[in-house]
Amino acid sequence: MAEITAALVKELREMTGLGMMECKKALAEAGGDLKKAEELLRIKSGAKAGKAAGRVAAEGVIGAYLSADARLGALVELNCETDFVAKNDDFAGFAQSLAQLAAEKDPADAAALAALPGVEAQRQGLVQKIGENITIRRLARMQAGGKLAQYVHGGRIGVLVDYEGSDDAGKDVAMHVSFSKPAYLAKSDVPADVVARERGILDARAKESGKPAEIVAKMVEGGLNKFLAEISLLGQPFVKDDKQTVEKMLAARKSRVLGFRFLVVGEGIEKKKSDFAAEVAAMTR
């Protein structure tokens, strides 16, 4: 059995938002398996999967580019150390130029983008001028099957939507994605293993209710349908009118979405937290 370390307990707490003792007990029951422990807690308490309080912390901007014909677009996440630098015009301009390069040169990933001629020299020059570490972290590029709508929220969330039909519908969907951050386009796109895992959690939780088997089955199916709607774009309540789903909004405007991509600054990066008083005390010892 894996050792139940304080770091492991902390990670589970951040994933579930539950108390230290609950997390420690679940890890012990799961033999130190973090994923299994999360499932146990979700079954017992209904804790939401993937909740990661304080996980997103890195600073930076999303550079965005859209071609004049709206057929080619790209997003690039450029990170820095402080929010102050993220608002710097030279930093933002570099991010925009990287997005255009990503669209036009089609690099395989951020490393390939950074390796393009002149990019590293620009990055180093900016580091020397600004005085902070600057990294090119991620990119997303789209070649439209229809045409592209682009939306950038506060410089920190960038969205591209490939759509057919109404331009207003395309723009509204891009705005919706920035708010709701769906993982998939439609319910049918959700991988079988994700569905199976959620079904297992819902089934175990429903059985604990002590209700008859036929009621349990209905509870599971209802919960699963709700889960699939929440994580898929077309099934989500439309952000401008939650009385209808995105799918129904699109149908009313004779439009459809072919695909989408989005980037959120700092997503998945844990910012190091410092205790200033402890650091001062350590220096005086």
Protein backbone atom coordinates (compact mmCIF):
# COMPACT_ATOMS: atom_id res chain seq x y z
CA MET A 1 0.00 0.00 0.00
CA ALA A 2 1.27 3.47 -0.89
CA GLU A 3 2.24 5.77 1.98
CA ILE A 4 -0.52 8.23 2.90
CA THR A 5 1.53 11.43 2.88
CA ALA A 6 0.37 14.91 3.81
CA ALA A 7 0.95 15.95 0.19
CA LEU A 8 -1.37 13.19 -1.03
CA VAL A 9 -4.07 14.21 1.44
CA LYS A 10 -3.68 17.85 0.35
CA GLU A 11 -4.07 16.91 -3.32
CA LEU A 12 -7.25 14.96 -2.62
CA ARG A 13 -8.64 17.86 -0.58
CA GLU A 14 -8.05 20.22 -3.52
CA MET A 15 -9.70 17.77 -5.91
CA THR A 16 -12.82 17.29 -3.80
CA GLY A 17 -13.10 20.28 -1.47
CA LEU A 18 -13.62 17.93 1.50
CA GLY A 19 -12.01 17.82 4.95
CA MET A 20 -8.58 16.49 5.81
CA MET A 21 -9.77 13.55 7.91
CA GLU A 22 -12.31 12.46 5.28
CA CYS A 23 -9.61 12.53 2.61
CA LYS A 24 -7.09 10.68 4.76
CA LYS A 25 -9.65 7.97 5.58
CA ALA A 26 -10.61 7.59 1.91
CA LEU A 27 -6.95 7.26 0.88
CA ALA A 28 -6.41 4.60 3.53
CA GLU A 29 -9.48 2.71 2.29
CA ALA A 30 -8.23 3.03 -1.30
CA GLY A 31 -4.75 1.81 -0.44
CA GLY A 32 -3.23 5.16 -1.36
CA ASP A 33 -4.80 5.20 -4.85
CA LEU A 34 -5.73 8.86 -5.43
CA LYS A 35 -8.24 8.23 -8.22
CA LYS A 36 -9.98 5.44 -6.30
CA ALA A 37 -10.12 7.61 -3.17
CA GLU A 38 -11.77 10.42 -5.14
CA GLU A 39 -14.40 7.97 -6.41
CA LEU A 40 -15.06 6.74 -2.86
CA LEU A 41 -15.59 10.30 -1.63
CA ARG A 42 -17.88 11.14 -4.53
CA ILE A 43 -19.97 8.05 -3.82
CA LYS A 44 -20.24 8.88 -0.13
CA SER A 45 -20.60 12.65 -0.25
CA GLY A 46 -21.53 13.62 -3.79
CA ALA A 47 -18.38 15.72 -4.09
CA LYS A 48 -18.01 17.07 -7.61
CA ALA A 49 -15.34 15.47 -9.77
CA GLY A 50 -12.46 17.61 -10.81
CA LYS A 51 -12.98 20.41 -8.29
CA ALA A 52 -9.54 21.85 -7.85
CA ALA A 53 -9.62 24.89 -5.59
CA GLY A 54 -6.58 27.10 -6.05
CA ARG A 55 -5.09 24.92 -8.81
CA VAL A 56 -5.18 27.59 -11.52
CA ALA A 57 -2.71 30.28 -10.59
CA ALA A 58 -0.15 31.18 -13.29
CA GLU A 59 -0.28 34.67 -14.81
CA GLY A 60 -0.22 35.63 -18.46
CA VAL A 61 -2.42 36.24 -21.48
CA ILE A 62 -4.01 34.42 -24.38
CA GLY A 63 -2.77 35.72 -27.71
CA ALA A 64 -5.44 35.36 -30.43
CA TYR A 65 -5.36 35.53 -34.23
CA LEU A 66 -8.15 35.23 -36.79
CA SER A 67 -7.57 35.50 -40.54
CA ALA A 68 -9.48 38.11 -42.56
CA ASP A 69 -11.68 35.43 -44.13
CA ALA A 70 -12.39 33.84 -40.70
CA ARG A 71 -11.21 30.45 -41.94
CA LEU A 72 -7.98 30.19 -39.93
CA GLY A 73 -7.40 30.99 -36.28
CA ALA A 74 -5.08 30.30 -33.37
CA LEU A 75 -4.73 30.86 -29.63
CA VAL A 76 -1.45 30.90 -27.68
CA GLU A 77 -0.99 30.92 -23.90
CA LEU A 78 1.96 33.07 -22.89
CA ASN A 79 2.86 32.94 -19.18
CA CYS A 80 4.71 35.32 -16.90
CA GLU A 81 5.20 35.64 -13.15
CA THR A 82 2.94 38.56 -12.19
CA ASP A 83 -0.37 40.08 -13.22
CA PHE A 84 1.42 43.41 -13.66
CA VAL A 85 3.54 42.04 -16.50
CA ALA A 86 0.51 40.32 -18.04
CA LYS A 87 -0.88 43.84 -18.66
CA ASN A 88 2.34 45.05 -20.32
CA ASP A 89 1.80 46.11 -23.97
CA ASP A 90 5.03 44.50 -25.21
CA PHE A 91 4.11 41.22 -23.51
CA ALA A 92 0.60 41.26 -25.01
CA GLY A 93 2.00 42.16 -28.43
CA PHE A 94 4.39 39.20 -28.30
CA ALA A 95 1.45 36.91 -27.48
CA GLN A 96 -0.50 38.24 -30.48
CA SER A 97 2.46 37.73 -32.83
CA LEU A 98 2.86 34.16 -31.55
CA ALA A 99 -0.81 33.44 -32.29
CA GLN A 100 -0.39 34.64 -35.88
CA LEU A 101 2.74 32.50 -36.27
CA ALA A 102 0.89 29.48 -34.86
CA ALA A 103 -1.90 29.97 -37.37
CA GLU A 104 0.32 30.53 -40.40
CA LYS A 105 3.18 28.08 -39.70
CA ASP A 106 1.10 25.30 -38.06
CA PRO A 107 3.69 24.13 -35.47
CA ALA A 108 2.94 20.80 -33.80
CA ASP A 109 2.99 22.23 -30.27
CA ALA A 110 4.28 25.07 -28.11
CA ALA A 111 7.84 23.74 -28.22
CA ALA A 112 7.76 23.73 -32.02
CA LEU A 113 6.36 27.27 -32.00
CA ALA A 114 9.17 28.40 -29.67
CA ALA A 115 11.71 26.83 -32.05
CA LEU A 116 10.58 28.86 -35.08
CA PRO A 117 13.18 31.36 -36.35
CA GLY A 118 13.38 34.53 -34.28
CA VAL A 119 10.93 33.47 -31.57
CA GLU A 120 13.47 32.59 -28.90
CA ALA A 121 15.42 35.81 -29.52
CA GLN A 122 12.20 37.82 -29.05
CA ARG A 123 11.38 35.92 -25.87
CA GLN A 124 14.85 36.45 -24.39
CA GLY A 125 14.77 40.12 -25.32
CA LEU A 126 11.45 40.52 -23.55
CA VAL A 127 12.75 38.68 -20.47
CA GLN A 128 15.72 41.04 -20.28
CA LYS A 129 13.52 44.11 -20.75
CA ILE A 130 10.75 43.11 -18.33
CA GLY A 131 12.77 41.14 -15.79
CA GLU A 132 10.45 38.14 -15.43
CA ASN A 133 10.50 34.61 -16.71
CA ILE A 134 8.31 34.26 -19.81
CA THR A 135 7.19 30.91 -21.23
CA ILE A 136 5.18 29.82 -24.26
CA ARG A 137 2.97 27.15 -22.77
CA ARG A 138 0.20 25.99 -25.11
CA LEU A 139 -1.43 26.64 -28.45
CA ALA A 140 -4.69 25.77 -30.18
CA ARG A 141 -5.10 26.12 -33.96
CA MET A 142 -8.24 25.69 -36.07
CA GLN A 143 -8.85 25.49 -39.81
CA ALA A 144 -12.56 26.07 -40.31
CA GLY A 145 -14.94 23.61 -41.90
CA GLY A 146 -17.42 26.49 -41.96
CA LYS A 147 -16.09 29.74 -40.50
CA LEU A 148 -14.58 30.74 -37.19
CA ALA A 149 -15.86 32.91 -34.37
CA GLN A 150 -13.30 34.13 -31.84
CA TYR A 151 -13.78 35.48 -28.35
CA VAL A 152 -11.22 36.55 -25.74
CA HIS A 153 -12.44 37.30 -22.22
CA GLY A 154 -10.28 39.62 -20.16
CA GLY A 155 -7.16 38.45 -21.96
CA ARG A 156 -7.24 35.24 -19.90
CA ILE A 157 -9.72 33.01 -21.76
CA GLY A 158 -9.52 32.52 -25.51
CA VAL A 159 -12.09 30.65 -27.62
CA LEU A 160 -12.39 29.55 -31.25
CA VAL A 161 -15.65 28.11 -32.58
CA ASP A 162 -16.05 26.49 -36.00
CA TYR A 163 -19.67 27.01 -37.09
CA GLU A 164 -22.11 27.22 -39.98
CA GLY A 165 -25.01 29.66 -40.15
CA SER A 166 -25.64 32.87 -38.24
CA ASP A 167 -22.61 34.98 -37.32
CA ASP A 168 -24.41 36.11 -34.17
CA ALA A 169 -24.92 32.46 -33.18
CA GLY A 170 -21.21 31.75 -33.69
CA LYS A 171 -20.22 34.72 -31.53
CA ASP A 172 -22.74 33.78 -28.84
CA VAL A 173 -21.45 30.20 -28.71
CA ALA A 174 -17.86 31.46 -28.38
CA MET A 175 -18.94 33.64 -25.45
CA HIS A 176 -20.85 30.72 -23.93
CA VAL A 177 -17.78 28.44 -24.16
CA SER A 178 -15.67 31.01 -22.30
CA PHE A 179 -18.21 30.93 -19.47
CA SER A 180 -19.17 27.23 -19.29
CA LYS A 181 -15.96 25.58 -20.57
CA PRO A 182 -17.55 22.38 -21.95
CA ALA A 183 -15.28 19.36 -22.31
CA TYR A 184 -17.06 17.92 -25.38
CA LEU A 185 -19.25 19.10 -28.23
CA ALA A 186 -22.07 16.55 -27.86
CA LYS A 187 -23.06 13.76 -25.47
CA SER A 188 -22.06 11.21 -28.11
CA ASP A 189 -18.48 12.55 -28.02
CA VAL A 190 -17.95 11.66 -24.36
CA PRO A 191 -15.55 8.65 -24.21
CA ALA A 192 -17.00 5.32 -23.09
CA ASP A 193 -14.60 5.07 -20.13
CA VAL A 194 -15.73 8.47 -18.80
CA VAL A 195 -19.37 7.40 -19.08
CA ALA A 196 -18.65 4.05 -17.42
CA ARG A 197 -16.81 5.65 -14.52
CA GLU A 198 -19.59 8.14 -13.86
CA ARG A 199 -22.23 5.42 -14.13
CA GLY A 200 -20.35 3.34 -11.56
CA ILE A 201 -20.19 6.27 -9.13
CA LEU A 202 -23.87 7.10 -9.60
CA ASP A 203 -24.88 3.45 -9.20
CA ALA A 204 -22.92 3.06 -5.95
CA ARG A 205 -24.35 6.31 -4.58
CA ALA A 206 -27.93 5.40 -5.58
CA LYS A 207 -27.68 1.96 -3.96
CA GLU A 208 -26.74 3.59 -0.67
CA SER A 209 -30.18 5.27 -0.69
CA GLY A 210 -31.78 1.90 0.03
CA LYS A 211 -34.43 2.44 -2.65
CA PRO A 212 -35.83 -0.40 -4.84
CA ALA A 213 -33.76 -1.55 -7.82
CA GLU A 214 -36.06 0.02 -10.42
CA ILE A 215 -35.86 3.40 -8.65
CA VAL A 216 -32.07 3.06 -8.39
CA ALA A 217 -31.88 2.42 -12.15
CA LYS A 218 -33.91 5.57 -12.86
CA MET A 219 -31.75 7.59 -10.48
CA VAL A 220 -28.60 6.41 -12.26
CA GLU A 221 -29.94 7.19 -15.75
CA GLY A 222 -31.20 10.59 -14.63
CA GLY A 223 -27.90 11.44 -13.02
CA LEU A 224 -25.95 10.24 -16.04
CA ASN A 225 -28.02 12.31 -18.46
CA LYS A 226 -27.50 15.38 -16.28
CA PHE A 227 -23.74 14.73 -16.13
CA LEU A 228 -23.47 14.33 -19.92
CA ALA A 229 -25.45 17.52 -20.51
CA GLU A 230 -23.24 19.47 -18.10
CA ILE A 231 -19.98 18.53 -19.83
CA SER A 232 -21.14 18.77 -23.46
CA LEU A 233 -21.64 22.09 -25.24
CA LEU A 234 -24.90 21.28 -26.99
CA GLY A 235 -26.55 20.01 -23.80
CA GLN A 236 -25.64 22.97 -21.60
CA PRO A 237 -28.17 25.71 -20.76
CA PHE A 238 -27.37 28.66 -23.05
CA VAL A 239 -25.61 31.38 -21.03
CA LYS A 240 -27.84 34.17 -22.41
CA ASP A 241 -31.07 32.23 -21.90
CA ASP A 242 -30.88 29.27 -19.52
CA LYS A 243 -34.43 28.22 -20.43
CA GLN A 244 -33.02 26.64 -23.61
CA THR A 245 -29.97 24.54 -24.38
CA VAL A 246 -27.22 25.63 -26.76
CA GLU A 247 -28.49 22.98 -29.19
CA LYS A 248 -31.98 24.50 -29.25
CA MET A 249 -30.61 28.02 -29.59
CA LEU A 250 -28.58 26.94 -32.63
CA ALA A 251 -31.55 25.15 -34.19
CA ALA A 252 -33.70 28.27 -33.79
CA ARG A 253 -31.07 30.28 -35.67
CA LYS A 254 -30.58 27.57 -38.33
CA SER A 255 -26.93 27.19 -37.29
CA ARG A 256 -24.64 24.41 -36.09
CA VAL A 257 -21.26 24.05 -34.39
CA LEU A 258 -18.63 21.85 -36.01
CA GLY A 259 -16.03 22.15 -33.24
CA PHE A 260 -14.40 24.45 -30.71
CA ARG A 261 -11.16 25.03 -28.83
CA PHE A 262 -10.37 27.17 -25.81
CA LEU A 263 -7.44 28.03 -23.55
CA VAL A 264 -7.54 29.43 -20.02
CA VAL A 265 -4.46 31.17 -18.62
CA GLY A 266 -2.76 29.11 -15.93
CA GLU A 267 -5.17 26.18 -16.15
CA GLY A 268 -3.65 23.19 -14.37
CA ILE A 269 -0.64 25.08 -12.99
CA GLU A 270 -0.31 25.28 -9.21
CA LYS A 271 1.13 28.58 -8.05
CA LYS A 272 3.69 28.28 -5.30
CA LYS A 273 2.32 29.79 -2.11
CA SER A 274 4.81 31.45 0.21
CA ASP A 275 4.53 32.22 3.90
CA PHE A 276 6.33 35.54 4.25
CA ALA A 277 6.47 35.41 8.06
CA ALA A 278 7.94 31.89 7.99
CA GLU A 279 10.52 32.94 5.40
CA VAL A 280 11.62 35.91 7.54
CA ALA A 281 11.82 33.67 10.63
CA ALA A 282 13.92 31.15 8.73
CA MET A 283 16.32 33.88 7.61
CA THR A 284 16.86 35.07 11.19
CA ARG A 285 17.65 31.59 12.51
